[in-house]
Amino acid sequence: MSRNNGPRPPTNRQLAVGELIRGALARILVQSPPNDTHFQGKLITITQVSPSPDLRSAKVFIVAQGHEEDHAFIKSLNHAASYFRREMAGMVDLKFLPSLRFYPDLSFANGDKIGKILLNIKQQEIL
C-alpha cells in the first residue's frame, strides 16, 4: 500500500526545463515582444516556470510592475502564448515544447501584507 503524502516535489529535469523556458521567455520579452499595446513599456519579471511532470505544459508565474492583479494583462499574455511558443522553438532544444499558461505571482504582494501585519503587531506590543 502506498501513501499519498501530497504533491511530489519537482524532479531535477522539471527544474532544468523550467529554467530553460524562463530564460527563453525573458529573451523573447526583451528582444522581440509581441506586437500588442499591453506589452509596450511594461516591466515584466518571470519569477518561476513550473512544467508538468510529463513536460507537455508549463505554468509561468509573472510579476508585471504596476499590474500585479491586472486580469486583462494576464489574459493578453495567455492569448500570446502561441507566439511565445513559436519564438521559443528556435531557442530551446526539447523534444516537445510545452504549452504555456501565465499566472500572476502574488507571493510578493502576500509577503508585503504579512510584513505589514507583523510590523503592526510589533508596534502594538511597544505601546
C-alpha atoms as a PDB file:
ATOM      1  CA  MET A   1       0.000   0.000   0.000  1.00  0.00           C
ATOM      2  CA  SER A   2       1.428   3.379  -0.966  1.00  0.00           C
ATOM      3  CA  ARG A   3       0.974   6.567   0.992  1.00  0.00           C
ATOM      4  CA  ASN A   4      -0.135   9.782  -0.571  1.00  0.00           C
ATOM      5  CA  ASN A   5       1.814  12.498   1.180  1.00  0.00           C
ATOM      6  CA  GLY A   6       0.637  15.311  -1.061  1.00  0.00           C
ATOM      7  CA  PRO A   7       2.096  16.578  -4.307  1.00  0.00           C
ATOM      8  CA  ARG A   8       5.520  15.362  -5.301  1.00  0.00           C
ATOM      9  CA  PRO A   9       8.359  17.859  -5.474  1.00  0.00           C
ATOM     10  CA  PRO A  10       9.557  18.707  -8.987  1.00  0.00           C
ATOM     11  CA  THR A  11      12.223  16.474 -10.462  1.00  0.00           C
ATOM     12  CA  ASN A  12      15.626  17.786 -11.495  1.00  0.00           C
ATOM     13  CA  ARG A  13      14.519  17.515 -15.136  1.00  0.00           C
ATOM     14  CA  GLN A  14      11.416  19.631 -14.445  1.00  0.00           C
ATOM     15  CA  LEU A  15      13.539  22.264 -12.697  1.00  0.00           C
ATOM     16  CA  ALA A  16      16.067  22.336 -15.557  1.00  0.00           C
ATOM     17  CA  VAL A  17      13.364  22.606 -18.228  1.00  0.00           C
ATOM     18  CA  GLY A  18      11.641  25.324 -16.204  1.00  0.00           C
ATOM     19  CA  GLU A  19      14.819  27.401 -16.074  1.00  0.00           C
ATOM     20  CA  LEU A  20      15.452  26.828 -19.789  1.00  0.00           C
ATOM     21  CA  ILE A  21      11.950  28.064 -20.625  1.00  0.00           C
ATOM     22  CA  ARG A  22      12.237  31.001 -18.210  1.00  0.00           C
ATOM     23  CA  GLY A  23      15.455  32.152 -19.884  1.00  0.00           C
ATOM     24  CA  ALA A  24      13.985  31.801 -23.382  1.00  0.00           C
ATOM     25  CA  LEU A  25      10.836  33.739 -22.430  1.00  0.00           C
ATOM     26  CA  ALA A  26      12.938  36.504 -20.876  1.00  0.00           C
ATOM     27  CA  ARG A  27      14.952  36.815 -24.088  1.00  0.00           C
ATOM     28  CA  ILE A  28      11.772  36.952 -26.167  1.00  0.00           C
ATOM     29  CA  LEU A  29      10.269  39.669 -23.973  1.00  0.00           C
ATOM     30  CA  VAL A  30      13.428  41.777 -24.314  1.00  0.00           C
ATOM     31  CA  GLN A  31      14.330  41.165 -27.962  1.00  0.00           C
ATOM     32  CA  SER A  32      11.008  40.641 -29.743  1.00  0.00           C
ATOM     33  CA  PRO A  33       7.918  41.177 -27.584  1.00  0.00           C
ATOM     34  CA  PRO A  34       4.506  40.587 -29.151  1.00  0.00           C
ATOM     35  CA  ASN A  35       3.143  43.498 -31.151  1.00  0.00           C
ATOM     36  CA  ASP A  36       0.410  44.267 -28.615  1.00  0.00           C
ATOM     37  CA  THR A  37      -0.250  47.504 -26.747  1.00  0.00           C
ATOM     38  CA  HIS A  38      -0.479  45.568 -23.457  1.00  0.00           C
ATOM     39  CA  PHE A  39       3.261  44.818 -23.649  1.00  0.00           C
ATOM     40  CA  GLN A  40       4.544  48.282 -24.584  1.00  0.00           C
ATOM     41  CA  GLY A  41       6.604  49.844 -21.801  1.00  0.00           C
ATOM     42  CA  LYS A  42       5.824  47.146 -19.237  1.00  0.00           C
ATOM     43  CA  LEU A  43       8.481  45.734 -16.958  1.00  0.00           C
ATOM     44  CA  ILE A  44       7.732  42.015 -16.678  1.00  0.00           C
ATOM     45  CA  THR A  45       9.567  39.629 -14.361  1.00  0.00           C
ATOM     46  CA  ILE A  46       9.222  35.887 -14.848  1.00  0.00           C
ATOM     47  CA  THR A  47       9.555  34.544 -11.327  1.00  0.00           C
ATOM     48  CA  GLN A  48       9.029  30.839 -11.964  1.00  0.00           C
ATOM     49  CA  VAL A  49       8.203  28.340 -14.680  1.00  0.00           C
ATOM     50  CA  SER A  50       6.680  25.138 -13.384  1.00  0.00           C
ATOM     51  CA  PRO A  51       6.494  22.357 -16.001  1.00  0.00           C
ATOM     52  CA  SER A  52       4.092  19.459 -15.554  1.00  0.00           C
ATOM     53  CA  PRO A  53       5.583  16.017 -14.795  1.00  0.00           C
ATOM     54  CA  ASP A  54       5.203  14.975 -18.468  1.00  0.00           C
ATOM     55  CA  LEU A  55       6.780  18.308 -19.619  1.00  0.00           C
ATOM     56  CA  ARG A  56       3.875  18.919 -22.034  1.00  0.00           C
ATOM     57  CA  SER A  57       2.570  22.036 -20.260  1.00  0.00           C
ATOM     58  CA  ALA A  58       4.046  24.705 -18.032  1.00  0.00           C
ATOM     59  CA  LYS A  59       2.714  27.325 -15.645  1.00  0.00           C
ATOM     60  CA  VAL A  60       4.535  30.638 -15.995  1.00  0.00           C
ATOM     61  CA  PHE A  61       4.353  32.932 -12.960  1.00  0.00           C
ATOM     62  CA  ILE A  62       4.974  36.607 -13.647  1.00  0.00           C
ATOM     63  CA  VAL A  63       5.101  39.938 -11.880  1.00  0.00           C
ATOM     64  CA  ALA A  64       4.337  42.995 -14.002  1.00  0.00           C
ATOM     65  CA  GLN A  65       5.308  46.258 -12.302  1.00  0.00           C
ATOM     66  CA  GLY A  66       2.110  48.175 -11.582  1.00  0.00           C
ATOM     67  CA  HIS A  67      -0.086  45.362 -12.915  1.00  0.00           C
ATOM     68  CA  GLU A  68       0.139  42.732 -10.160  1.00  0.00           C
ATOM     69  CA  GLU A  69      -3.541  41.847 -10.329  1.00  0.00           C
ATOM     70  CA  ASP A  70      -4.376  43.098 -13.827  1.00  0.00           C
ATOM     71  CA  HIS A  71      -6.505  40.306 -15.264  1.00  0.00           C
ATOM     72  CA  ALA A  72      -6.587  41.900 -18.722  1.00  0.00           C
ATOM     73  CA  PHE A  73      -2.773  41.799 -18.853  1.00  0.00           C
ATOM     74  CA  ILE A  74      -2.676  38.120 -17.831  1.00  0.00           C
ATOM     75  CA  LYS A  75      -5.363  37.415 -20.421  1.00  0.00           C
ATOM     76  CA  SER A  76      -3.266  39.108 -23.127  1.00  0.00           C
ATOM     77  CA  LEU A  77      -0.223  37.045 -22.082  1.00  0.00           C
ATOM     78  CA  ASN A  78      -2.246  33.837 -22.359  1.00  0.00           C
ATOM     79  CA  HIS A  79      -3.568  34.997 -25.728  1.00  0.00           C
ATOM     80  CA  ALA A  80       0.047  35.465 -26.899  1.00  0.00           C
ATOM     81  CA  ALA A  81       1.158  32.065 -25.534  1.00  0.00           C
ATOM     82  CA  SER A  82       1.303  30.535 -29.020  1.00  0.00           C
ATOM     83  CA  TYR A  83       3.544  33.420 -30.150  1.00  0.00           C
ATOM     84  CA  PHE A  84       5.921  32.761 -27.234  1.00  0.00           C
ATOM     85  CA  ARG A  85       5.919  29.057 -28.012  1.00  0.00           C
ATOM     86  CA  ARG A  86       6.743  29.682 -31.699  1.00  0.00           C
ATOM     87  CA  GLU A  87       9.567  32.070 -30.804  1.00  0.00           C
ATOM     88  CA  MET A  88      10.918  29.609 -28.238  1.00  0.00           C
ATOM     89  CA  ALA A  89      11.114  26.793 -30.810  1.00  0.00           C
ATOM     90  CA  GLY A  90      14.442  28.015 -32.183  1.00  0.00           C
ATOM     91  CA  MET A  91      15.921  28.781 -28.765  1.00  0.00           C
ATOM     92  CA  VAL A  92      15.457  25.581 -26.779  1.00  0.00           C
ATOM     93  CA  ASP A  93      16.330  22.006 -27.615  1.00  0.00           C
ATOM     94  CA  LEU A  94      13.422  19.971 -26.271  1.00  0.00           C
ATOM     95  CA  LYS A  95      11.587  17.023 -27.778  1.00  0.00           C
ATOM     96  CA  PHE A  96       8.244  18.725 -27.066  1.00  0.00           C
ATOM     97  CA  LEU A  97       7.639  22.401 -26.450  1.00  0.00           C
ATOM     98  CA  PRO A  98       5.212  22.708 -23.557  1.00  0.00           C
ATOM     99  CA  SER A  99       2.015  24.680 -23.859  1.00  0.00           C
ATOM    100  CA  LEU A 100       2.266  27.805 -21.714  1.00  0.00           C
ATOM    101  CA  ARG A 101      -0.230  29.213 -19.251  1.00  0.00           C
ATOM    102  CA  PHE A 102       0.501  32.521 -17.495  1.00  0.00           C
ATOM    103  CA  TYR A 103      -0.444  33.324 -13.901  1.00  0.00           C
ATOM    104  CA  PRO A 104       0.206  36.333 -11.669  1.00  0.00           C
ATOM    105  CA  ASP A 105       2.765  35.646  -8.943  1.00  0.00           C
ATOM    106  CA  LEU A 106       1.120  37.040  -5.846  1.00  0.00           C
ATOM    107  CA  SER A 107       3.814  35.847  -3.435  1.00  0.00           C
ATOM    108  CA  PHE A 108       5.499  39.274  -3.322  1.00  0.00           C
ATOM    109  CA  ALA A 109       2.216  41.053  -2.603  1.00  0.00           C
ATOM    110  CA  ASN A 110       1.330  38.465   0.036  1.00  0.00           C
ATOM    111  CA  GLY A 111       4.781  38.858   1.599  1.00  0.00           C
ATOM    112  CA  ASP A 112       4.283  42.627   1.809  1.00  0.00           C
ATOM    113  CA  LYS A 113       0.903  42.126   3.505  1.00  0.00           C
ATOM    114  CA  ILE A 114       2.396  39.731   6.054  1.00  0.00           C
ATOM    115  CA  GLY A 115       5.271  42.149   6.699  1.00  0.00           C
ATOM    116  CA  LYS A 116       2.842  44.998   7.347  1.00  0.00           C
ATOM    117  CA  ILE A 117       0.793  42.831   9.708  1.00  0.00           C
ATOM    118  CA  LEU A 118       3.900  41.806  11.656  1.00  0.00           C
ATOM    119  CA  LEU A 119       5.086  45.410  11.832  1.00  0.00           C
ATOM    120  CA  ASN A 120       1.653  46.466  13.095  1.00  0.00           C
ATOM    121  CA  ILE A 121       1.736  43.752  15.785  1.00  0.00           C
ATOM    122  CA  LYS A 122       5.239  44.805  16.847  1.00  0.00           C
ATOM    123  CA  GLN A 123       4.161  48.447  17.104  1.00  0.00           C
ATOM    124  CA  GLN A 124       1.149  47.455  19.223  1.00  0.00           C
ATOM    125  CA  GLU A 125       3.404  45.455  21.590  1.00  0.00           C
ATOM    126  CA  ILE A 126       5.608  48.504  22.110  1.00  0.00           C
ATOM    127  CA  LEU A 127       2.611  50.583  23.182  1.00  0.00           C
END
